[in-house]
Amino acid sequence: MKVFLKGMEFFAYHGVNKEEKILGQRFKVDVEFYVDEVKGDNIDNTVSYSYVYKLVREIVEGKNFNLMESLAKEIGNAILAIDKVKEVLVKVIKVSPPIDGILEEAGVEYRKKK
């Protein structure tokens, strides 16, 4: 069964440029993770997406990374460390990246299975 959180938005200080580390910028994060089919109708039988949101937020807003790749990997591995999670896909998007040109967004995807 796939569980997903799409369009999480955060303001953080990731990037290789000095300005990114000082001024910060918006990031969007999407996550998908797979769990076994849920038996019954109890939250204890699955993974709470509220918990996953808090986990992602702590990483994105609480740590600093030079690379989006490193940020995506950190998020993915943290979600994959949850017992019931079998596979994870993390998409990290830098909204309005500091590039000399017209570009809506840039991003990376990180996928991993147990």
N, C-alpha and C. Protein backbone atom coordinates (compact mmCIF):
# COMPACT_ATOMS: atom_id res chain seq x y z
N MET A 1 0.84 -1.17 0.00
CA MET A 1 0.00 0.00 0.00
C MET A 1 0.89 1.24 0.00
N LYS A 2 0.54 2.19 -0.84
CA LYS A 2 1.32 3.43 -0.94
C LYS A 2 0.67 4.51 -0.08
N VAL A 3 1.51 5.21 0.69
CA VAL A 3 1.09 6.37 1.46
C VAL A 3 1.91 7.54 0.92
N PHE A 4 1.30 8.70 0.75
CA PHE A 4 2.07 9.82 0.22
C PHE A 4 1.70 11.13 0.89
N LEU A 5 2.67 12.03 0.89
CA LEU A 5 2.48 13.42 1.32
C LEU A 5 3.03 14.26 0.18
N LYS A 6 2.20 15.11 -0.39
CA LYS A 6 2.61 15.87 -1.57
C LYS A 6 2.50 17.37 -1.29
N GLY A 7 3.51 18.10 -1.72
CA GLY A 7 3.46 19.55 -1.65
C GLY A 7 3.78 20.15 -0.30
N MET A 8 4.55 19.44 0.52
CA MET A 8 4.99 20.04 1.78
C MET A 8 5.93 21.19 1.45
N GLU A 9 5.73 22.34 2.07
CA GLU A 9 6.58 23.50 1.78
C GLU A 9 7.28 23.97 3.05
N PHE A 10 8.56 24.29 2.88
CA PHE A 10 9.39 24.72 4.00
C PHE A 10 10.30 25.85 3.54
N PHE A 11 10.74 26.65 4.49
CA PHE A 11 11.75 27.66 4.24
C PHE A 11 13.01 27.20 4.95
N ALA A 12 14.12 27.08 4.19
CA ALA A 12 15.34 26.52 4.78
C ALA A 12 16.57 27.12 4.12
N TYR A 13 17.73 26.69 4.59
CA TYR A 13 19.01 27.31 4.22
C TYR A 13 19.97 26.31 3.58
N HIS A 14 19.49 25.54 2.62
CA HIS A 14 20.31 24.55 1.93
C HIS A 14 20.85 25.13 0.63
N GLY A 15 22.06 24.72 0.26
CA GLY A 15 22.64 25.14 -1.01
C GLY A 15 24.13 25.38 -0.89
N VAL A 16 24.78 25.50 -2.03
CA VAL A 16 26.23 25.71 -2.04
C VAL A 16 26.59 27.19 -2.09
N ASN A 17 25.67 28.03 -2.52
CA ASN A 17 25.95 29.46 -2.61
C ASN A 17 25.82 30.14 -1.26
N LYS A 18 26.67 31.12 -1.03
CA LYS A 18 26.67 31.87 0.23
C LYS A 18 25.30 32.49 0.50
N GLU A 19 24.69 33.05 -0.53
CA GLU A 19 23.40 33.70 -0.38
C GLU A 19 22.32 32.72 0.08
N GLU A 20 22.37 31.49 -0.44
CA GLU A 20 21.39 30.48 -0.05
C GLU A 20 21.50 30.16 1.44
N LYS A 21 22.72 30.12 1.93
CA LYS A 21 22.95 29.79 3.33
C LYS A 21 22.56 30.93 4.26
N ILE A 22 22.61 32.16 3.76
CA ILE A 22 22.30 33.33 4.60
C ILE A 22 20.82 33.72 4.47
N LEU A 23 20.34 33.84 3.23
CA LEU A 23 18.98 34.33 3.00
C LEU A 23 17.93 33.23 3.06
N GLY A 24 18.32 32.01 2.72
CA GLY A 24 17.37 30.90 2.68
C GLY A 24 16.47 30.96 1.46
N GLN A 25 15.60 29.95 1.34
CA GLN A 25 14.69 29.88 0.20
C GLN A 25 13.63 28.82 0.45
N ARG A 26 12.64 28.79 -0.44
CA ARG A 26 11.55 27.82 -0.32
C ARG A 26 11.94 26.48 -0.93
N PHE A 27 11.50 25.44 -0.25
CA PHE A 27 11.66 24.07 -0.74
C PHE A 27 10.31 23.38 -0.69
N LYS A 28 10.06 22.54 -1.68
CA LYS A 28 8.89 21.66 -1.66
C LYS A 28 9.41 20.24 -1.51
N VAL A 29 8.68 19.43 -0.78
CA VAL A 29 9.06 18.04 -0.59
C VAL A 29 7.83 17.17 -0.79
N ASP A 30 7.98 16.14 -1.60
CA ASP A 30 6.96 15.09 -1.76
C ASP A 30 7.58 13.79 -1.29
N VAL A 31 6.80 12.99 -0.57
CA VAL A 31 7.28 11.66 -0.20
C VAL A 31 6.20 10.63 -0.50
N GLU A 32 6.66 9.47 -0.92
CA GLU A 32 5.81 8.29 -1.06
C GLU A 32 6.51 7.19 -0.30
N PHE A 33 5.75 6.40 0.44
CA PHE A 33 6.35 5.24 1.08
C PHE A 33 5.35 4.09 1.05
N TYR A 34 5.90 2.89 1.04
CA TYR A 34 5.09 1.70 0.90
C TYR A 34 5.13 0.89 2.18
N VAL A 35 3.94 0.43 2.58
CA VAL A 35 3.79 -0.43 3.75
C VAL A 35 2.99 -1.65 3.33
N ASP A 36 3.01 -2.68 4.16
CA ASP A 36 2.18 -3.84 3.89
C ASP A 36 0.70 -3.44 3.96
N GLU A 37 -0.14 -4.25 3.35
CA GLU A 37 -1.57 -3.98 3.40
C GLU A 37 -2.01 -3.86 4.86
N VAL A 38 -2.79 -2.83 5.15
CA VAL A 38 -3.22 -2.57 6.52
C VAL A 38 -4.33 -3.54 6.91
N LYS A 39 -4.16 -4.15 8.09
CA LYS A 39 -5.17 -5.06 8.63
C LYS A 39 -5.94 -4.31 9.70
N GLY A 40 -7.24 -4.25 9.55
CA GLY A 40 -8.06 -3.54 10.53
C GLY A 40 -8.10 -2.05 10.24
N ASP A 41 -8.62 -1.32 11.21
CA ASP A 41 -8.83 0.12 11.05
C ASP A 41 -8.21 0.87 12.22
N ASN A 42 -6.95 0.55 12.50
CA ASN A 42 -6.26 1.12 13.65
C ASN A 42 -4.95 1.75 13.17
N ILE A 43 -4.68 2.96 13.63
CA ILE A 43 -3.47 3.68 13.21
C ILE A 43 -2.20 2.92 13.57
N ASP A 44 -2.26 2.09 14.59
CA ASP A 44 -1.08 1.31 14.98
C ASP A 44 -0.70 0.27 13.94
N ASN A 45 -1.59 0.00 12.98
CA ASN A 45 -1.32 -0.99 11.95
C ASN A 45 -0.65 -0.40 10.71
N THR A 46 -0.38 0.88 10.74
CA THR A 46 0.24 1.55 9.59
C THR A 46 1.23 2.60 10.09
N VAL A 47 1.63 3.48 9.22
CA VAL A 47 2.54 4.57 9.58
C VAL A 47 1.77 5.88 9.47
N SER A 48 1.76 6.64 10.52
CA SER A 48 1.04 7.91 10.56
C SER A 48 1.71 8.94 9.65
N TYR A 49 0.95 9.49 8.72
CA TYR A 49 1.54 10.52 7.86
C TYR A 49 1.81 11.80 8.64
N SER A 50 1.12 12.01 9.76
CA SER A 50 1.44 13.16 10.63
C SER A 50 2.84 13.01 11.21
N TYR A 51 3.17 11.79 11.61
CA TYR A 51 4.51 11.53 12.14
C TYR A 51 5.57 11.76 11.06
N VAL A 52 5.29 11.28 9.84
CA VAL A 52 6.24 11.44 8.74
C VAL A 52 6.41 12.92 8.40
N TYR A 53 5.33 13.68 8.41
CA TYR A 53 5.43 15.13 8.16
C TYR A 53 6.37 15.79 9.17
N LYS A 54 6.17 15.48 10.44
CA LYS A 54 7.02 16.07 11.49
C LYS A 54 8.48 15.67 11.30
N LEU A 55 8.71 14.43 10.91
CA LEU A 55 10.07 13.94 10.66
C LEU A 55 10.72 14.72 9.52
N VAL A 56 10.00 14.89 8.42
CA VAL A 56 10.52 15.63 7.27
C VAL A 56 10.79 17.08 7.66
N ARG A 57 9.86 17.68 8.36
CA ARG A 57 10.02 19.08 8.78
C ARG A 57 11.26 19.27 9.65
N GLU A 58 11.47 18.36 10.60
CA GLU A 58 12.65 18.45 11.48
C GLU A 58 13.95 18.41 10.67
N ILE A 59 13.98 17.56 9.65
CA ILE A 59 15.19 17.44 8.83
C ILE A 59 15.38 18.67 7.95
N VAL A 60 14.33 19.07 7.24
CA VAL A 60 14.45 20.19 6.30
C VAL A 60 14.74 21.50 7.01
N GLU A 61 14.04 21.75 8.10
CA GLU A 61 14.20 23.03 8.80
C GLU A 61 15.28 23.00 9.88
N GLY A 62 15.67 21.81 10.31
CA GLY A 62 16.59 21.71 11.44
C GLY A 62 18.03 21.43 11.09
N LYS A 63 18.30 21.04 9.85
CA LYS A 63 19.66 20.73 9.42
C LYS A 63 20.00 21.57 8.20
N ASN A 64 21.28 21.65 7.88
CA ASN A 64 21.73 22.37 6.69
C ASN A 64 22.54 21.45 5.80
N PHE A 65 22.22 21.47 4.52
CA PHE A 65 22.92 20.65 3.54
C PHE A 65 23.38 21.52 2.38
N ASN A 66 24.52 21.17 1.80
CA ASN A 66 24.97 21.83 0.58
C ASN A 66 24.15 21.35 -0.61
N LEU A 67 23.87 20.06 -0.66
CA LEU A 67 23.24 19.45 -1.82
C LEU A 67 21.82 18.98 -1.52
N MET A 68 20.93 19.18 -2.48
CA MET A 68 19.58 18.64 -2.36
C MET A 68 19.63 17.12 -2.32
N GLU A 69 20.61 16.54 -3.00
CA GLU A 69 20.77 15.09 -2.99
C GLU A 69 20.97 14.58 -1.56
N SER A 70 21.80 15.28 -0.80
CA SER A 70 22.06 14.88 0.59
C SER A 70 20.81 15.05 1.45
N LEU A 71 20.08 16.12 1.22
CA LEU A 71 18.84 16.35 1.95
C LEU A 71 17.82 15.25 1.65
N ALA A 72 17.64 14.92 0.38
CA ALA A 72 16.69 13.88 0.00
C ALA A 72 17.08 12.53 0.59
N LYS A 73 18.37 12.22 0.58
CA LYS A 73 18.85 10.96 1.14
C LYS A 73 18.60 10.90 2.64
N GLU A 74 18.84 11.98 3.34
CA GLU A 74 18.60 12.03 4.79
C GLU A 74 17.13 11.80 5.11
N ILE A 75 16.26 12.44 4.36
CA ILE A 75 14.82 12.26 4.56
C ILE A 75 14.43 10.82 4.26
N GLY A 76 14.88 10.31 3.12
CA GLY A 76 14.54 8.94 2.72
C GLY A 76 14.99 7.90 3.72
N ASN A 77 16.21 8.02 4.19
CA ASN A 77 16.72 7.04 5.15
C ASN A 77 16.01 7.13 6.49
N ALA A 78 15.60 8.33 6.89
CA ALA A 78 14.85 8.49 8.15
C ALA A 78 13.48 7.82 8.04
N ILE A 79 12.83 7.98 6.91
CA ILE A 79 11.52 7.34 6.72
C ILE A 79 11.69 5.83 6.61
N LEU A 80 12.70 5.39 5.89
CA LEU A 80 12.94 3.96 5.72
C LEU A 80 13.30 3.29 7.04
N ALA A 81 13.78 4.04 8.01
CA ALA A 81 14.12 3.48 9.33
C ALA A 81 12.87 3.12 10.14
N ILE A 82 11.72 3.59 9.71
CA ILE A 82 10.46 3.23 10.38
C ILE A 82 10.17 1.77 10.04
N ASP A 83 9.90 0.96 11.05
CA ASP A 83 9.76 -0.49 10.88
C ASP A 83 8.82 -0.91 9.75
N LYS A 84 7.67 -0.33 9.66
CA LYS A 84 6.66 -0.78 8.71
C LYS A 84 6.92 -0.32 7.27
N VAL A 85 7.85 0.59 7.06
CA VAL A 85 8.11 1.12 5.73
C VAL A 85 9.02 0.18 4.95
N LYS A 86 8.60 -0.18 3.74
CA LYS A 86 9.35 -1.12 2.89
C LYS A 86 10.15 -0.43 1.80
N GLU A 87 9.65 0.71 1.34
CA GLU A 87 10.28 1.45 0.24
C GLU A 87 9.90 2.91 0.37
N VAL A 88 10.77 3.79 -0.10
CA VAL A 88 10.50 5.22 -0.01
C VAL A 88 10.95 5.93 -1.28
N LEU A 89 10.21 6.97 -1.65
CA LEU A 89 10.59 7.87 -2.74
C LEU A 89 10.46 9.29 -2.20
N VAL A 90 11.53 10.05 -2.29
CA VAL A 90 11.54 11.43 -1.81
C VAL A 90 11.88 12.34 -2.98
N LYS A 91 11.10 13.38 -3.13
CA LYS A 91 11.36 14.40 -4.16
C LYS A 91 11.57 15.72 -3.43
N VAL A 92 12.73 16.34 -3.65
CA VAL A 92 13.04 17.64 -3.07
C VAL A 92 13.15 18.65 -4.20
N ILE A 93 12.41 19.74 -4.08
CA ILE A 93 12.37 20.76 -5.11
C ILE A 93 12.81 22.09 -4.51
N LYS A 94 13.74 22.73 -5.17
CA LYS A 94 14.16 24.08 -4.80
C LYS A 94 13.36 25.04 -5.68
N VAL A 95 12.47 25.80 -5.05
CA VAL A 95 11.63 26.74 -5.77
C VAL A 95 12.46 27.98 -6.09
N SER A 96 12.42 28.41 -7.33
CA SER A 96 13.18 29.59 -7.77
C SER A 96 14.66 29.50 -7.41
N PRO A 97 15.36 28.49 -7.94
CA PRO A 97 16.79 28.35 -7.62
C PRO A 97 17.60 29.52 -8.17
N PRO A 98 18.71 29.83 -7.52
CA PRO A 98 19.54 30.96 -7.96
C PRO A 98 20.38 30.62 -9.19
N ILE A 99 19.75 30.67 -10.33
CA ILE A 99 20.41 30.35 -11.59
C ILE A 99 20.28 31.56 -12.51
N ASP A 100 21.30 31.84 -13.28
CA ASP A 100 21.28 32.97 -14.20
C ASP A 100 20.46 32.59 -15.43
N GLY A 101 19.17 32.63 -15.27
CA GLY A 101 18.27 32.27 -16.35
C GLY A 101 16.88 32.04 -15.80
N ILE A 102 15.96 31.71 -16.69
CA ILE A 102 14.58 31.49 -16.29
C ILE A 102 14.39 30.01 -15.99
N LEU A 103 14.01 29.74 -14.76
CA LEU A 103 13.82 28.36 -14.31
C LEU A 103 12.83 28.37 -13.17
N GLU A 104 11.78 27.61 -13.31
CA GLU A 104 10.74 27.56 -12.28
C GLU A 104 11.22 26.86 -11.02
N GLU A 105 11.83 25.69 -11.20
CA GLU A 105 12.30 24.93 -10.05
C GLU A 105 13.31 23.88 -10.50
N ALA A 106 14.09 23.42 -9.54
CA ALA A 106 15.05 22.34 -9.78
C ALA A 106 14.87 21.34 -8.65
N GLY A 107 15.16 20.08 -8.93
CA GLY A 107 14.94 19.10 -7.87
C GLY A 107 15.66 17.79 -8.09
N VAL A 108 15.52 16.95 -7.08
CA VAL A 108 16.11 15.61 -7.12
C VAL A 108 15.09 14.62 -6.57
N GLU A 109 15.26 13.36 -6.95
CA GLU A 109 14.47 12.28 -6.39
C GLU A 109 15.40 11.23 -5.82
N TYR A 110 15.00 10.67 -4.71
CA TYR A 110 15.78 9.61 -4.05
C TYR A 110 14.82 8.47 -3.76
N ARG A 111 15.17 7.28 -4.24
CA ARG A 111 14.35 6.09 -4.03
C ARG A 111 15.21 5.00 -3.39
N LYS A 112 14.63 4.31 -2.41
CA LYS A 112 15.37 3.23 -1.76
C LYS A 112 14.39 2.20 -1.21
N LYS A 113 14.80 0.94 -1.30
CA LYS A 113 14.04 -0.18 -0.72
C LYS A 113 14.85 -0.80 0.40
N LYS A 114 14.14 -1.45 1.31
CA LYS A 114 14.83 -2.20 2.37
C LYS A 114 15.36 -3.48 1.80
